[in-house]
Amino acid sequence: RRNCGVAGIVPCPGRVVWGAVYRLTVEDIARLDRSEGHIPGRDPAANAYNKRDIAVLRDGARDDIIRAFTYIAVTMPGRHIPSAEYRGIMLRGARENGLPSDYLAALEAMEII
């Protein structure tokens, strides 16, 4: 719907993904599932995103772990580059949540269309 690439999480040794963790209600999760194109129980390849349980290291501390879930995009062929607007949304969220300056710099350096 955005007509551009979007953020995702992929394995990359030596790299980290920063973000925010939210406490959600069952209703919130159902709305997110619909918004992200995830239908529980459907063939995962038919979803736009699929849920994955993850361990989150609070503030990067290996001894302070939170159990959470995230949505992982179904891999699509081709190269997908975010728009300036989408990168701006990511940067605003990163700043509002106090993410590290080196992570902000990496977002700012991201190629855009």
Protein backbone atom coordinates (compact mmCIF):
# COMPACT_ATOMS: atom_id res chain seq x y z
CA ARG A 1 0.00 0.00 0.00
CA ARG A 2 2.91 2.36 0.55
CA ASN A 3 4.45 1.76 -2.88
CA CYS A 4 7.90 1.46 -1.33
CA GLY A 5 10.03 -0.92 0.68
CA VAL A 6 9.27 -1.24 4.38
CA ALA A 7 11.29 -2.10 7.47
CA GLY A 8 11.86 -5.70 8.39
CA ILE A 9 14.05 -7.91 10.50
CA VAL A 10 16.52 -10.24 8.82
CA PRO A 11 19.46 -12.13 10.32
CA CYS A 12 22.68 -10.16 9.97
CA PRO A 13 25.62 -11.20 12.18
CA GLY A 14 27.00 -8.34 14.24
CA ARG A 15 23.96 -6.09 13.70
CA VAL A 16 21.10 -5.24 16.05
CA VAL A 17 17.56 -3.99 15.63
CA TRP A 18 16.33 -1.39 18.10
CA GLY A 19 12.69 -0.61 18.75
CA ALA A 20 9.97 -0.14 21.33
CA VAL A 21 7.93 -2.76 23.17
CA TYR A 22 4.25 -2.20 23.85
CA ARG A 23 1.76 -3.94 26.14
CA LEU A 24 -1.24 -4.88 23.96
CA THR A 25 -4.75 -6.14 24.56
CA VAL A 26 -6.24 -9.06 22.65
CA GLU A 27 -8.26 -6.50 20.67
CA ASP A 28 -5.10 -4.50 19.86
CA ILE A 29 -3.41 -7.65 18.54
CA ALA A 30 -6.43 -8.53 16.38
CA ARG A 31 -6.38 -5.01 14.87
CA LEU A 32 -2.63 -5.25 14.26
CA ASP A 33 -3.04 -8.66 12.62
CA ARG A 34 -5.57 -7.17 10.18
CA SER A 35 -3.43 -4.08 9.56
CA GLU A 36 -0.31 -6.18 8.89
CA GLY A 37 -2.06 -8.68 6.61
CA HIS A 38 -1.65 -11.56 9.05
CA ILE A 39 -4.43 -14.12 9.31
CA PRO A 40 -3.65 -16.64 12.07
CA GLY A 41 -3.94 -20.25 10.86
CA ARG A 42 -3.59 -19.34 7.18
CA ASP A 43 -0.72 -20.68 5.08
CA PRO A 44 2.15 -18.37 6.12
CA ALA A 45 3.08 -17.78 2.45
CA ALA A 46 -0.37 -16.23 1.92
CA ASN A 47 0.15 -13.62 4.65
CA ALA A 48 1.93 -10.32 4.09
CA TYR A 49 3.55 -10.64 7.53
CA ASN A 50 3.80 -13.49 10.01
CA LYS A 51 4.21 -13.32 13.77
CA ARG A 52 7.39 -14.55 15.39
CA ASP A 53 8.10 -14.81 19.10
CA ILE A 54 11.30 -12.99 20.00
CA ALA A 55 13.50 -12.26 22.98
CA VAL A 56 14.05 -8.53 23.47
CA LEU A 57 17.07 -7.34 25.41
CA ARG A 58 15.86 -4.35 27.42
CA ASP A 59 18.23 -1.48 26.56
CA GLY A 60 20.55 -4.08 25.02
CA ALA A 61 21.23 -5.79 28.38
CA ARG A 62 21.65 -9.55 27.93
CA ASP A 63 20.44 -10.21 31.49
CA ASP A 64 17.15 -8.27 31.14
CA ILE A 65 15.04 -10.18 28.60
CA ILE A 66 11.43 -9.50 27.64
CA ARG A 67 9.38 -12.07 25.71
CA ALA A 68 7.50 -10.39 22.85
CA PHE A 69 6.36 -10.94 19.28
CA THR A 70 7.02 -9.10 16.06
CA TYR A 71 5.78 -9.30 12.51
CA ILE A 72 8.21 -10.62 9.90
CA ALA A 73 7.53 -9.74 6.27
CA VAL A 74 7.06 -12.58 3.82
CA THR A 75 10.06 -12.43 1.48
CA MET A 76 9.27 -10.92 -1.89
CA PRO A 77 11.56 -11.03 -4.92
CA GLY A 78 13.40 -7.89 -5.96
CA ARG A 79 14.96 -4.95 -4.18
CA HIS A 80 12.67 -2.85 -2.00
CA ILE A 81 13.76 0.65 -1.00
CA PRO A 82 11.84 2.84 1.47
CA SER A 83 10.46 6.24 0.54
CA ALA A 84 11.61 9.45 2.24
CA GLU A 85 8.21 9.59 3.98
CA TYR A 86 8.54 6.05 5.36
CA ARG A 87 12.11 6.67 6.55
CA GLY A 88 10.82 9.84 8.23
CA ILE A 89 8.20 7.81 10.11
CA MET A 90 10.91 5.40 11.31
CA LEU A 91 13.16 8.27 12.38
CA ARG A 92 10.37 10.05 14.25
CA GLY A 93 9.53 6.83 16.14
CA ALA A 94 13.19 6.17 16.91
CA ARG A 95 13.65 9.69 18.29
CA GLU A 96 10.40 9.61 20.30
CA ASN A 97 11.51 6.32 21.90
CA GLY A 98 15.05 7.50 22.69
CA LEU A 99 16.85 4.94 20.53
CA PRO A 100 20.67 5.16 20.33
CA SER A 101 22.25 7.87 18.19
CA ASP A 102 24.23 5.35 16.10
CA TYR A 103 20.97 3.58 15.21
CA LEU A 104 19.41 6.94 14.26
CA ALA A 105 22.46 7.64 12.09
CA ALA A 106 22.03 4.29 10.33
CA LEU A 107 18.39 5.10 9.61
CA GLU A 108 19.34 8.56 8.33
CA ALA A 109 21.95 7.00 6.01
CA MET A 110 19.44 4.54 4.56
CA GLU A 111 18.96 4.70 0.80
CA ILE A 112 15.53 6.07 -0.17
CA ILE A 113 13.52 6.44 -3.34
